[in-house]
Protein backbone atom coordinates (compact mmCIF):
# COMPACT_ATOMS: atom_id res chain seq x y z
CA MET A 1 0.00 0.00 0.00
CA LYS A 2 1.97 2.93 -1.23
CA ARG A 3 -0.82 5.41 -1.17
CA PHE A 4 1.40 8.34 -0.25
CA TYR A 5 4.59 7.27 -2.05
CA ASN A 6 6.18 10.15 -3.94
CA GLY A 7 9.42 8.51 -5.20
CA ARG A 8 11.87 10.25 -2.85
CA GLU A 9 13.21 7.02 -1.41
CA GLN A 10 14.24 5.88 -4.89
CA LYS A 11 16.10 9.16 -5.40
CA ARG A 12 18.00 8.69 -2.09
CA VAL A 13 19.14 5.22 -3.09
CA SER A 14 20.30 6.32 -6.54
CA GLY A 15 22.01 9.39 -5.02
CA ALA A 16 23.84 7.18 -2.51
CA MET A 17 24.93 4.82 -5.29
CA PHE A 18 26.17 7.77 -7.35
CA SER A 19 28.14 9.08 -4.36
CA LEU A 20 29.62 5.64 -3.72
CA ILE A 21 30.68 5.28 -7.36
CA ILE A 22 32.28 8.74 -7.36
CA PHE A 23 34.10 7.89 -4.11
CA LEU A 24 35.44 4.63 -5.56
CA VAL A 25 36.59 6.38 -8.74
CA VAL A 26 38.44 8.99 -6.68
CA ILE A 27 40.11 6.26 -4.60
CA LEU A 28 41.16 4.38 -7.75
CA LEU A 29 42.60 7.54 -9.31
CA PHE A 30 44.48 8.28 -6.10
CA CYS A 31 45.97 4.76 -6.01
CA ALA A 32 46.93 5.00 -9.69
CA GLY A 33 48.64 8.34 -9.03
CA ILE A 34 50.64 6.91 -6.14
CA ASP A 35 51.68 3.91 -8.25
CA SER A 36 52.73 6.17 -11.11
CA ALA A 37 54.79 8.38 -8.78
CA SER A 38 56.44 5.30 -7.28
CA GLN A 39 57.39 3.95 -10.71
CA LYS A 40 58.79 7.34 -11.74
CA ALA A 41 60.87 7.55 -8.56
CA ARG A 42 62.27 4.06 -9.21
CA ARG A 43 63.20 5.01 -12.81
CA GLU A 44 64.92 8.14 -11.53
CA GLN A 45 66.80 6.09 -8.93
CA LYS A 46 67.95 3.66 -11.62
CA ASN A 47 69.07 6.52 -13.91
CA SER A 48 70.94 8.14 -11.02
CA LEU A 49 72.71 4.85 -10.26
CA GLU A 50 73.68 4.41 -13.90
CA ASP A 51 75.05 7.97 -14.05
CA ALA A 52 77.04 7.44 -10.83
CA ILE A 53 78.55 4.20 -12.14
CA TRP A 54 79.60 5.79 -15.44
CA ARG A 55 81.02 8.87 -13.68
CA SER A 56 83.08 6.59 -11.43
CA ILE A 57 84.27 4.49 -14.39
CA THR A 58 85.25 7.61 -16.33
CA GLN A 59 87.04 9.14 -13.37
CA TYR A 60 88.93 5.91 -12.69
CA TYR A 61 89.97 5.70 -16.35
CA ALA A 62 91.14 9.33 -16.37
CA ILE A 63 93.27 8.80 -13.27
CA GLU A 64 94.53 5.23 -13.76
CA GLY A 65 94.64 5.04 -17.56
CA ARG A 66 92.61 1.82 -17.60
CA TYR A 67 89.11 0.72 -16.74
CA PRO A 68 88.37 -0.73 -13.29
CA GLU A 69 88.41 -4.52 -13.02
CA SER A 70 85.31 -4.64 -10.81
CA LEU A 71 82.65 -2.57 -9.15
CA GLU A 72 84.27 -3.34 -5.80
CA ILE A 73 87.20 -1.09 -6.73
CA LEU A 74 84.78 1.75 -7.45
CA ARG A 75 82.96 1.13 -4.19
CA GLU A 76 86.14 1.10 -2.12
CA GLU A 77 88.15 3.86 -3.83
CA TYR A 78 85.46 6.19 -5.14
CA GLY A 79 82.64 5.68 -2.66
CA LEU A 80 80.17 4.31 -5.20
CA GLN A 81 77.04 3.13 -3.40
CA ILE A 82 74.75 0.51 -4.92
CA ASP A 83 71.49 -0.67 -3.38
CA TYR A 84 71.70 -4.37 -4.20
CA ASP A 85 68.27 -4.96 -2.64
CA GLU A 86 66.70 -2.76 -5.34
CA PHE A 87 68.96 -3.37 -8.35
CA PHE A 88 71.09 -6.08 -9.89
CA VAL A 89 74.24 -4.68 -11.50
CA ASP A 90 76.17 -6.79 -13.98
CA TYR A 91 79.68 -5.50 -14.70
CA GLN A 92 81.64 -7.26 -17.46
CA VAL A 93 85.24 -6.34 -18.22
CA PHE A 94 86.72 -7.30 -21.61
CA GLY A 95 90.17 -5.77 -21.16
CA ALA A 96 92.02 -2.98 -19.41
CA ASN A 97 91.52 -0.54 -22.31
CA LEU A 98 88.09 -1.70 -23.47
CA ILE A 99 85.05 -0.02 -22.02
CA PRO A 100 83.21 -2.39 -19.67
CA ASP A 101 79.63 -3.51 -20.20
CA VAL A 102 77.32 -2.38 -17.40
CA THR A 103 73.76 -3.68 -17.10
CA ILE A 104 71.38 -2.54 -14.38
CA LEU A 105 68.19 -4.51 -13.75
CA ASP A 106 65.36 -3.90 -11.32
CA ARG A 107 64.86 -6.55 -8.69
CA PRO A 108 61.26 -7.65 -8.26
C-alpha cells in the first residue's frame, strides 16, 4: 500500500549509489597516481645509479689510464654506493683498455 509514495526514497538510493561510485573512482585515481609516482621515482633512482657508475668508471679511467676490473674497486676507492636490494648490477670487463659492459636490472 503505497498510497502516499512520492518517489523520494528511490532518489536517495540512486544518489547514494552515485556518491559511492564517485568515491570509488576517486580512490582508484588516487591509487593510480601513487603507483605512477612510485614507478617514476624508481626510474629516476635507476638513472641516477647508472650515471654514478659511469662517472666513477670515467674518473677511474682518467686517473689510472685503464678501466676498473670490478665494481668493488669503485665502491672502495670512489665511494660508489649501490642498493643491491633494489637493483642487480652486472659488470663485465673485456680488457684494461676496453670499455666495460654495465647492465642494471630492477629486482622484483
